[in-house]
Amino acid sequence: MRTFGAVVQALREYHGLTREEFGRLVGYSKHTVASVELGRRMPDVGFVEAAERVLGNTGALRKAAECLERQPGLAAWFRRWAGLEKQAITLYTYECRMIPGLLQTEAYARTLFTQQLPPLDDDQIEAQWAAHADRQQLLRNRANTAFGFILEEHLFRRRTGGRDVTRELIDHVLDLAELRNVEVQVMPTMRESHAGLDGAMQLLENPDNKWFAYCEGQRGGLLVSDPKEVSILQRRYARMRSQAHTLEDSRSLLQRMRGDL
C-alpha cells in the first residue's frame, strides 16, 4: 500500500497537482488522497479508475492495484508474516484461543468471522475466507516444509459453531495429521505445568535457516526477529512438545472427542 501510494504521489506531482486539486478531479477529499499516498488506506476501484484518467491513463495504477488485492482478507499486521510463511521450511504453531487458520474448516472459519466485533459485511467475510483458503494450500503445496501444531484440548471441547461444525473440524484436523509433513499434538486441559501460559505463538525457519517468531493479540501482532527473543520462544515450544500428548495419543483423544459428539 505504501508503494502504491508513492506511485500515486509521484504521478500527481509530475502533473503539477496539489492533493486538494487532485482530489477535486478524482472526486475524493484531500484527506483521502493523503491517506492513500501514505499507505494508510486501501484505494477502492473508483479511486484507481479516476486516478488513471487524471494521471495519464497509462495503466500503471491499475496494474499496481492488482498487487493490493492478492491478500485482501489478511490483517495488515499479519501480511509480512504471511509472506514469510510462503518460504518457510519449518513452521511451528501453539494455539490456545482458536484453531489456527491453517487447520480451520470453512464452517468453523465462517463462525469466527460472523462473531467478530465490529461486525464484518458479506464482502469482508468472503475476502477473509478466500485468504484463509489460499493460505491453507501451504500444507499440501509445500510438502518439504515441516508443520507442527500444539493445540489446547479445550479448543475442541468448546464446540465453536455447534456439534456438526466441531465434528467436521475434528475430522479435518485428523485428515491433515495424516500428511507426512504435518504433526498435531493436543495439550491436555488438566496439566500441572505448562510452558505456554504467556499465550499463543508461531515459530518459523526460512530457507537461510534463520528463525522468526510471531505473537498475536486482540488488535495486532508482533513479528520477532531478535535471535535472543526467538530462542526463548523456541525453548518454550520445545518444552510444550514434551508436555503435550504424543502424536499417537493426540490422535486417539481427537477420535474419542469425535465419538462423543
C-alpha atoms as a PDB file:
ATOM      1  CA  MET A   1       0.000   0.000   0.000  1.00  0.00           C
ATOM      2  CA  ARG A   2       2.866   2.392   0.741  1.00  0.00           C
ATOM      3  CA  THR A   3       4.458   1.588  -2.622  1.00  0.00           C
ATOM      4  CA  PHE A   4       1.174   2.106  -4.453  1.00  0.00           C
ATOM      5  CA  GLY A   5       0.692   5.394  -2.611  1.00  0.00           C
ATOM      6  CA  ALA A   6       4.191   6.537  -3.541  1.00  0.00           C
ATOM      7  CA  VAL A   7       3.419   5.896  -7.223  1.00  0.00           C
ATOM      8  CA  VAL A   8       0.212   7.941  -6.982  1.00  0.00           C
ATOM      9  CA  GLN A   9       2.076  10.792  -5.296  1.00  0.00           C
ATOM     10  CA  ALA A  10       4.899  10.748  -7.851  1.00  0.00           C
ATOM     11  CA  LEU A  11       2.471  10.884 -10.781  1.00  0.00           C
ATOM     12  CA  ARG A  12       0.389  13.600  -9.118  1.00  0.00           C
ATOM     13  CA  GLU A  13       3.442  15.753  -8.515  1.00  0.00           C
ATOM     14  CA  TYR A  14       4.686  15.099 -12.072  1.00  0.00           C
ATOM     15  CA  HIS A  15       1.405  16.594 -13.326  1.00  0.00           C
ATOM     16  CA  GLY A  16       1.847  19.594 -11.017  1.00  0.00           C
ATOM     17  CA  LEU A  17      -1.235  18.938  -8.908  1.00  0.00           C
ATOM     18  CA  THR A  18      -1.673  19.542  -5.208  1.00  0.00           C
ATOM     19  CA  ARG A  19      -3.552  16.951  -3.175  1.00  0.00           C
ATOM     20  CA  GLU A  20      -6.551  19.261  -3.000  1.00  0.00           C
ATOM     21  CA  GLU A  21      -6.559  19.837  -6.785  1.00  0.00           C
ATOM     22  CA  PHE A  22      -6.105  16.150  -7.486  1.00  0.00           C
ATOM     23  CA  GLY A  23      -8.868  15.300  -5.006  1.00  0.00           C
ATOM     24  CA  ARG A  24     -11.349  17.543  -6.818  1.00  0.00           C
ATOM     25  CA  LEU A  25     -10.504  15.913 -10.144  1.00  0.00           C
ATOM     26  CA  VAL A  26     -10.940  12.343  -8.872  1.00  0.00           C
ATOM     27  CA  GLY A  27     -13.898  13.101  -6.595  1.00  0.00           C
ATOM     28  CA  TYR A  28     -12.209  12.419  -3.244  1.00  0.00           C
ATOM     29  CA  SER A  29     -11.161  14.687  -0.401  1.00  0.00           C
ATOM     30  CA  LYS A  30      -7.554  15.776   0.013  1.00  0.00           C
ATOM     31  CA  HIS A  31      -7.511  13.793   3.256  1.00  0.00           C
ATOM     32  CA  THR A  32      -8.427  10.593   1.420  1.00  0.00           C
ATOM     33  CA  VAL A  33      -5.751  11.322  -1.176  1.00  0.00           C
ATOM     34  CA  ALA A  34      -3.201  11.808   1.601  1.00  0.00           C
ATOM     35  CA  SER A  35      -4.230   8.542   3.297  1.00  0.00           C
ATOM     36  CA  VAL A  36      -3.796   6.609   0.053  1.00  0.00           C
ATOM     37  CA  GLU A  37      -0.459   8.234  -0.743  1.00  0.00           C
ATOM     38  CA  LEU A  38       0.868   7.487   2.737  1.00  0.00           C
ATOM     39  CA  GLY A  39      -0.233   3.850   2.546  1.00  0.00           C
ATOM     40  CA  ARG A  40      -2.794   4.188   5.321  1.00  0.00           C
ATOM     41  CA  ARG A  41      -5.872   3.449   3.228  1.00  0.00           C
ATOM     42  CA  MET A  42      -6.675   0.772   0.669  1.00  0.00           C
ATOM     43  CA  PRO A  43      -7.792   2.552  -2.527  1.00  0.00           C
ATOM     44  CA  ASP A  44     -11.161   1.418  -3.871  1.00  0.00           C
ATOM     45  CA  VAL A  45     -11.837   0.707  -7.540  1.00  0.00           C
ATOM     46  CA  GLY A  46     -13.374   4.155  -8.076  1.00  0.00           C
ATOM     47  CA  PHE A  47     -10.254   5.882  -6.809  1.00  0.00           C
ATOM     48  CA  VAL A  48      -7.959   3.795  -9.026  1.00  0.00           C
ATOM     49  CA  GLU A  49     -10.025   4.355 -12.168  1.00  0.00           C
ATOM     50  CA  ALA A  50     -10.400   8.099 -11.548  1.00  0.00           C
ATOM     51  CA  ALA A  51      -6.700   8.462 -10.780  1.00  0.00           C
ATOM     52  CA  GLU A  52      -5.832   6.640 -14.008  1.00  0.00           C
ATOM     53  CA  ARG A  53      -7.875   9.077 -16.088  1.00  0.00           C
ATOM     54  CA  VAL A  54      -6.406  12.134 -14.395  1.00  0.00           C
ATOM     55  CA  LEU A  55      -2.791  10.918 -14.370  1.00  0.00           C
ATOM     56  CA  GLY A  56      -2.370   9.915 -17.994  1.00  0.00           C
ATOM     57  CA  ASN A  57      -4.340   6.672 -18.346  1.00  0.00           C
ATOM     58  CA  THR A  58      -1.129   4.619 -18.694  1.00  0.00           C
ATOM     59  CA  GLY A  59      -2.499   1.547 -16.921  1.00  0.00           C
ATOM     60  CA  ALA A  60       0.254   1.695 -14.326  1.00  0.00           C
ATOM     61  CA  LEU A  61      -2.104   2.293 -11.415  1.00  0.00           C
ATOM     62  CA  ARG A  62      -4.483  -0.476 -12.498  1.00  0.00           C
ATOM     63  CA  LYS A  63      -1.568  -2.925 -12.636  1.00  0.00           C
ATOM     64  CA  ALA A  64      -0.233  -1.768  -9.283  1.00  0.00           C
ATOM     65  CA  ALA A  65      -3.690  -2.053  -7.685  1.00  0.00           C
ATOM     66  CA  GLU A  66      -3.856  -5.734  -8.644  1.00  0.00           C
ATOM     67  CA  CYS A  67      -0.994  -6.371  -6.229  1.00  0.00           C
ATOM     68  CA  LEU A  68      -3.054  -4.870  -3.400  1.00  0.00           C
ATOM     69  CA  GLU A  69      -5.829  -7.418  -3.949  1.00  0.00           C
ATOM     70  CA  ARG A  70      -3.828 -10.612  -3.532  1.00  0.00           C
ATOM     71  CA  GLN A  71      -4.399 -10.854   0.225  1.00  0.00           C
ATOM     72  CA  PRO A  72      -7.482  -8.718   0.895  1.00  0.00           C
ATOM     73  CA  GLY A  73      -8.655 -10.862   3.798  1.00  0.00           C
ATOM     74  CA  LEU A  74      -5.452 -10.743   5.846  1.00  0.00           C
ATOM     75  CA  ALA A  75      -4.952  -8.149   8.543  1.00  0.00           C
ATOM     76  CA  ALA A  76      -2.274  -5.591   7.675  1.00  0.00           C
ATOM     77  CA  TRP A  77      -0.085  -6.574  10.641  1.00  0.00           C
ATOM     78  CA  PHE A  78      -0.173 -10.242   9.530  1.00  0.00           C
ATOM     79  CA  ARG A  79       0.830  -9.807   5.901  1.00  0.00           C
ATOM     80  CA  ARG A  80       4.587  -9.734   6.463  1.00  0.00           C
ATOM     81  CA  TRP A  81       4.386 -12.964   8.432  1.00  0.00           C
ATOM     82  CA  ALA A  82       2.174 -14.488   5.717  1.00  0.00           C
ATOM     83  CA  GLY A  83       4.915 -13.644   3.215  1.00  0.00           C
ATOM     84  CA  LEU A  84       7.497 -15.449   5.344  1.00  0.00           C
ATOM     85  CA  GLU A  85       5.176 -18.462   5.615  1.00  0.00           C
ATOM     86  CA  LYS A  86       5.306 -18.987   1.868  1.00  0.00           C
ATOM     87  CA  GLN A  87       9.068 -19.586   2.013  1.00  0.00           C
ATOM     88  CA  ALA A  88       9.251 -21.409   5.349  1.00  0.00           C
ATOM     89  CA  ILE A  89      10.957 -24.775   5.686  1.00  0.00           C
ATOM     90  CA  THR A  90       9.707 -25.180   9.267  1.00  0.00           C
ATOM     91  CA  LEU A  91       6.563 -23.715  10.824  1.00  0.00           C
ATOM     92  CA  TYR A  92       5.519 -24.426  14.411  1.00  0.00           C
ATOM     93  CA  THR A  93       2.281 -23.148  15.950  1.00  0.00           C
ATOM     94  CA  TYR A  94       0.981 -23.175  19.527  1.00  0.00           C
ATOM     95  CA  GLU A  95      -2.595 -22.004  19.870  1.00  0.00           C
ATOM     96  CA  CYS A  96      -4.742 -21.575  22.976  1.00  0.00           C
ATOM     97  CA  ARG A  97      -7.506 -19.285  21.653  1.00  0.00           C
ATOM     98  CA  MET A  98      -8.899 -20.866  18.491  1.00  0.00           C
ATOM     99  CA  ILE A  99      -7.996 -23.491  15.913  1.00  0.00           C
ATOM    100  CA  PRO A 100      -5.251 -21.856  13.783  1.00  0.00           C
ATOM    101  CA  GLY A 101      -6.185 -20.650  10.316  1.00  0.00           C
ATOM    102  CA  LEU A 102      -4.145 -23.300   8.512  1.00  0.00           C
ATOM    103  CA  LEU A 103      -6.298 -26.032  10.096  1.00  0.00           C
ATOM    104  CA  GLN A 104      -9.743 -24.403  10.023  1.00  0.00           C
ATOM    105  CA  THR A 105     -12.688 -25.714   8.044  1.00  0.00           C
ATOM    106  CA  GLU A 106     -14.814 -23.254   6.111  1.00  0.00           C
ATOM    107  CA  ALA A 107     -17.743 -23.676   8.526  1.00  0.00           C
ATOM    108  CA  TYR A 108     -15.528 -23.101  11.574  1.00  0.00           C
ATOM    109  CA  ALA A 109     -13.844 -20.063   9.986  1.00  0.00           C
ATOM    110  CA  ARG A 110     -17.152 -18.507   8.964  1.00  0.00           C
ATOM    111  CA  THR A 111     -18.425 -18.965  12.524  1.00  0.00           C
ATOM    112  CA  LEU A 112     -15.471 -16.921  13.767  1.00  0.00           C
ATOM    113  CA  PHE A 113     -15.938 -14.266  11.076  1.00  0.00           C
ATOM    114  CA  THR A 114     -19.633 -13.771  11.843  1.00  0.00           C
ATOM    115  CA  GLN A 115     -18.875 -13.309  15.546  1.00  0.00           C
ATOM    116  CA  GLN A 116     -16.306 -10.545  15.088  1.00  0.00           C
ATOM    117  CA  LEU A 117     -16.848  -7.092  16.560  1.00  0.00           C
ATOM    118  CA  PRO A 118     -17.261  -4.697  14.938  1.00  0.00           C
ATOM    119  CA  PRO A 119     -19.313  -6.882  12.552  1.00  0.00           C
ATOM    120  CA  LEU A 120     -17.987  -7.724   9.089  1.00  0.00           C
ATOM    121  CA  ASP A 121     -20.126  -7.302   5.986  1.00  0.00           C
ATOM    122  CA  ASP A 122     -20.636 -10.130   3.484  1.00  0.00           C
ATOM    123  CA  ASP A 123     -17.829  -8.969   1.189  1.00  0.00           C
ATOM    124  CA  GLN A 124     -15.379  -8.817   4.077  1.00  0.00           C
ATOM    125  CA  ILE A 125     -16.341 -12.307   5.226  1.00  0.00           C
ATOM    126  CA  GLU A 126     -15.843 -13.671   1.709  1.00  0.00           C
ATOM    127  CA  ALA A 127     -12.443 -11.963   1.499  1.00  0.00           C
ATOM    128  CA  GLN A 128     -11.442 -13.373   4.872  1.00  0.00           C
ATOM    129  CA  TRP A 129     -12.334 -16.919   3.864  1.00  0.00           C
ATOM    130  CA  ALA A 130     -10.652 -16.583   0.461  1.00  0.00           C
ATOM    131  CA  ALA A 131      -7.439 -15.520   2.196  1.00  0.00           C
ATOM    132  CA  HIS A 132      -7.702 -18.427   4.654  1.00  0.00           C
ATOM    133  CA  ALA A 133      -8.314 -20.948   1.883  1.00  0.00           C
ATOM    134  CA  ASP A 134      -5.337 -19.626  -0.070  1.00  0.00           C
ATOM    135  CA  ARG A 135      -3.020 -19.896   2.964  1.00  0.00           C
ATOM    136  CA  GLN A 136      -4.176 -23.431   3.665  1.00  0.00           C
ATOM    137  CA  GLN A 137      -2.699 -24.602   0.374  1.00  0.00           C
ATOM    138  CA  LEU A 138       0.706 -24.330   2.061  1.00  0.00           C
ATOM    139  CA  LEU A 139       0.127 -27.615   3.897  1.00  0.00           C
ATOM    140  CA  ARG A 140      -0.217 -29.577   0.668  1.00  0.00           C
ATOM    141  CA  ASN A 141       1.823 -27.460  -1.758  1.00  0.00           C
ATOM    142  CA  ARG A 142       4.939 -27.307   0.445  1.00  0.00           C
ATOM    143  CA  ALA A 143       5.489 -30.997   1.084  1.00  0.00           C
ATOM    144  CA  ASN A 144       9.099 -30.362   2.170  1.00  0.00           C
ATOM    145  CA  THR A 145       8.042 -27.903   4.874  1.00  0.00           C
ATOM    146  CA  ALA A 146       7.631 -29.348   8.381  1.00  0.00           C
ATOM    147  CA  PHE A 147       4.426 -28.109  10.062  1.00  0.00           C
ATOM    148  CA  GLY A 148       3.905 -28.680  13.772  1.00  0.00           C
ATOM    149  CA  PHE A 149       0.832 -27.729  15.802  1.00  0.00           C
ATOM    150  CA  ILE A 150       0.233 -27.834  19.548  1.00  0.00           C
ATOM    151  CA  LEU A 151      -3.456 -27.210  20.245  1.00  0.00           C
ATOM    152  CA  GLU A 152      -5.175 -26.876  23.592  1.00  0.00           C
ATOM    153  CA  GLU A 153      -7.757 -29.586  24.249  1.00  0.00           C
ATOM    154  CA  HIS A 154     -10.422 -27.037  25.165  1.00  0.00           C
ATOM    155  CA  LEU A 155     -10.376 -25.629  21.611  1.00  0.00           C
ATOM    156  CA  PHE A 156     -12.261 -28.739  20.501  1.00  0.00           C
ATOM    157  CA  ARG A 157     -14.374 -29.184  23.626  1.00  0.00           C
ATOM    158  CA  ARG A 158     -15.729 -25.638  23.335  1.00  0.00           C
ATOM    159  CA  ARG A 159     -17.713 -26.772  20.268  1.00  0.00           C
ATOM    160  CA  THR A 160     -17.482 -23.430  18.487  1.00  0.00           C
ATOM    161  CA  GLY A 161     -20.255 -23.361  15.893  1.00  0.00           C
ATOM    162  CA  GLY A 162     -22.056 -26.372  17.359  1.00  0.00           C
ATOM    163  CA  ARG A 163     -21.730 -30.142  17.205  1.00  0.00           C
ATOM    164  CA  ASP A 164     -21.783 -30.500  13.421  1.00  0.00           C
ATOM    165  CA  VAL A 165     -19.126 -27.839  12.898  1.00  0.00           C
ATOM    166  CA  THR A 166     -16.939 -29.390  15.604  1.00  0.00           C
ATOM    167  CA  ARG A 167     -17.389 -32.895  14.202  1.00  0.00           C
ATOM    168  CA  GLU A 168     -16.309 -31.729  10.743  1.00  0.00           C
ATOM    169  CA  LEU A 169     -13.413 -29.785  12.276  1.00  0.00           C
ATOM    170  CA  ILE A 170     -12.034 -32.801  14.152  1.00  0.00           C
ATOM    171  CA  ASP A 171     -12.321 -34.969  11.032  1.00  0.00           C
ATOM    172  CA  HIS A 172     -10.457 -32.304   9.065  1.00  0.00           C
ATOM    173  CA  VAL A 173      -7.646 -31.998  11.622  1.00  0.00           C
ATOM    174  CA  LEU A 174      -7.301 -35.806  11.760  1.00  0.00           C
ATOM    175  CA  ASP A 175      -7.061 -35.940   7.963  1.00  0.00           C
ATOM    176  CA  LEU A 176      -4.376 -33.243   7.875  1.00  0.00           C
ATOM    177  CA  ALA A 177      -2.447 -35.027  10.626  1.00  0.00           C
ATOM    178  CA  GLU A 178      -2.049 -37.959   8.212  1.00  0.00           C
ATOM    179  CA  LEU A 179       0.135 -35.831   5.927  1.00  0.00           C
ATOM    180  CA  ARG A 180       3.830 -36.683   6.260  1.00  0.00           C
ATOM    181  CA  ASN A 181       4.783 -33.054   6.822  1.00  0.00           C
ATOM    182  CA  VAL A 182       2.117 -32.253   9.441  1.00  0.00           C
ATOM    183  CA  GLU A 183       2.246 -33.083  13.158  1.00  0.00           C
ATOM    184  CA  VAL A 184      -0.617 -32.319  15.537  1.00  0.00           C
ATOM    185  CA  GLN A 185      -0.334 -32.586  19.311  1.00  0.00           C
ATOM    186  CA  VAL A 186      -3.061 -31.839  21.848  1.00  0.00           C
ATOM    187  CA  MET A 187      -2.201 -30.146  25.128  1.00  0.00           C
ATOM    188  CA  PRO A 188      -4.349 -31.711  27.882  1.00  0.00           C
ATOM    189  CA  THR A 189      -6.645 -29.439  29.850  1.00  0.00           C
ATOM    190  CA  MET A 190      -5.514 -30.988  33.126  1.00  0.00           C
ATOM    191  CA  ARG A 191      -1.813 -30.013  33.219  1.00  0.00           C
ATOM    192  CA  GLU A 192       0.044 -29.019  36.383  1.00  0.00           C
ATOM    193  CA  SER A 193       2.923 -27.394  34.467  1.00  0.00           C
ATOM    194  CA  HIS A 194       2.666 -25.543  31.172  1.00  0.00           C
ATOM    195  CA  ALA A 195       5.405 -23.605  29.335  1.00  0.00           C
ATOM    196  CA  GLY A 196       2.969 -21.683  27.131  1.00  0.00           C
ATOM    197  CA  LEU A 197       0.935 -19.738  29.648  1.00  0.00           C
ATOM    198  CA  ASP A 198       2.055 -16.417  28.151  1.00  0.00           C
ATOM    199  CA  GLY A 199      -0.073 -17.086  25.090  1.00  0.00           C
ATOM    200  CA  ALA A 200      -0.148 -18.268  21.504  1.00  0.00           C
ATOM    201  CA  MET A 201       2.984 -18.212  19.354  1.00  0.00           C
ATOM    202  CA  GLN A 202       4.345 -19.225  15.973  1.00  0.00           C
ATOM    203  CA  LEU A 203       7.924 -20.086  15.047  1.00  0.00           C
ATOM    204  CA  LEU A 204       9.274 -20.129  11.525  1.00  0.00           C
ATOM    205  CA  GLU A 205      12.555 -21.145   9.861  1.00  0.00           C
ATOM    206  CA  ASN A 206      13.322 -19.666   6.446  1.00  0.00           C
ATOM    207  CA  PRO A 207      15.488 -21.220   3.672  1.00  0.00           C
ATOM    208  CA  ASP A 208      18.556 -19.432   5.097  1.00  0.00           C
ATOM    209  CA  ASN A 209      17.940 -21.249   8.397  1.00  0.00           C
ATOM    210  CA  LYS A 210      17.053 -18.027  10.159  1.00  0.00           C
ATOM    211  CA  TRP A 211      14.254 -18.247  12.706  1.00  0.00           C
ATOM    212  CA  PHE A 212      11.416 -15.773  13.284  1.00  0.00           C
ATOM    213  CA  ALA A 213       8.531 -15.709  15.745  1.00  0.00           C
ATOM    214  CA  TYR A 214       5.083 -14.192  15.654  1.00  0.00           C
ATOM    215  CA  CYS A 215       2.803 -13.407  18.596  1.00  0.00           C
ATOM    216  CA  GLU A 216      -0.699 -12.060  18.122  1.00  0.00           C
ATOM    217  CA  GLY A 217      -3.080 -10.218  20.409  1.00  0.00           C
ATOM    218  CA  GLN A 218      -6.570  -8.745  20.214  1.00  0.00           C
ATOM    219  CA  ARG A 219      -5.831  -5.969  17.716  1.00  0.00           C
ATOM    220  CA  GLY A 220      -2.338  -6.537  16.421  1.00  0.00           C
ATOM    221  CA  GLY A 221       0.618  -8.828  16.040  1.00  0.00           C
ATOM    222  CA  LEU A 222       4.335  -8.740  16.777  1.00  0.00           C
ATOM    223  CA  LEU A 223       6.932 -10.148  14.400  1.00  0.00           C
ATOM    224  CA  VAL A 224      10.047 -11.138  16.370  1.00  0.00           C
ATOM    225  CA  SER A 225      13.430 -11.384  14.644  1.00  0.00           C
ATOM    226  CA  ASP A 226      15.825 -10.813  17.573  1.00  0.00           C
ATOM    227  CA  PRO A 227      17.677 -14.167  17.902  1.00  0.00           C
ATOM    228  CA  LYS A 228      17.691 -13.952  21.704  1.00  0.00           C
ATOM    229  CA  GLU A 229      13.943 -13.461  21.904  1.00  0.00           C
ATOM    230  CA  VAL A 230      13.278 -16.145  19.297  1.00  0.00           C
ATOM    231  CA  SER A 231      15.499 -18.532  21.257  1.00  0.00           C
ATOM    232  CA  ILE A 232      13.369 -18.036  24.374  1.00  0.00           C
ATOM    233  CA  LEU A 233      10.214 -18.883  22.445  1.00  0.00           C
ATOM    234  CA  GLN A 234      11.900 -21.908  20.856  1.00  0.00           C
ATOM    235  CA  ARG A 235      12.736 -23.258  24.301  1.00  0.00           C
ATOM    236  CA  ARG A 236       9.181 -22.751  25.468  1.00  0.00           C
ATOM    237  CA  TYR A 237       7.810 -24.522  22.411  1.00  0.00           C
ATOM    238  CA  ALA A 238      10.228 -27.409  22.895  1.00  0.00           C
ATOM    239  CA  ARG A 239       9.058 -27.788  26.489  1.00  0.00           C
ATOM    240  CA  MET A 240       5.429 -27.755  25.383  1.00  0.00           C
ATOM    241  CA  ARG A 241       6.098 -30.556  22.916  1.00  0.00           C
ATOM    242  CA  SER A 242       7.149 -32.709  25.846  1.00  0.00           C
ATOM    243  CA  GLN A 243       4.151 -31.598  27.939  1.00  0.00           C
ATOM    244  CA  ALA A 244       1.523 -32.250  25.270  1.00  0.00           C
ATOM    245  CA  HIS A 245       0.139 -35.648  24.339  1.00  0.00           C
ATOM    246  CA  THR A 246       2.233 -37.664  21.885  1.00  0.00           C
ATOM    247  CA  LEU A 247       1.161 -37.759  18.242  1.00  0.00           C
ATOM    248  CA  GLU A 248      -0.484 -41.134  18.730  1.00  0.00           C
ATOM    249  CA  ASP A 249      -2.223 -40.172  21.983  1.00  0.00           C
ATOM    250  CA  SER A 250      -3.362 -36.877  20.443  1.00  0.00           C
ATOM    251  CA  ARG A 251      -4.939 -38.748  17.544  1.00  0.00           C
ATOM    252  CA  SER A 252      -6.690 -41.114  19.946  1.00  0.00           C
ATOM    253  CA  LEU A 253      -8.004 -38.237  22.045  1.00  0.00           C
ATOM    254  CA  LEU A 254      -9.378 -36.451  18.993  1.00  0.00           C
ATOM    255  CA  GLN A 255     -11.073 -39.641  17.853  1.00  0.00           C
ATOM    256  CA  ARG A 256     -12.678 -40.069  21.285  1.00  0.00           C
ATOM    257  CA  MET A 257     -13.885 -36.472  21.305  1.00  0.00           C
ATOM    258  CA  ARG A 258     -15.278 -37.050  17.823  1.00  0.00           C
ATOM    259  CA  GLY A 259     -17.137 -40.092  19.057  1.00  0.00           C
ATOM    260  CA  ASP A 260     -18.657 -38.118  21.950  1.00  0.00           C
ATOM    261  CA  LEU A 261     -20.323 -35.622  19.624  1.00  0.00           C
END
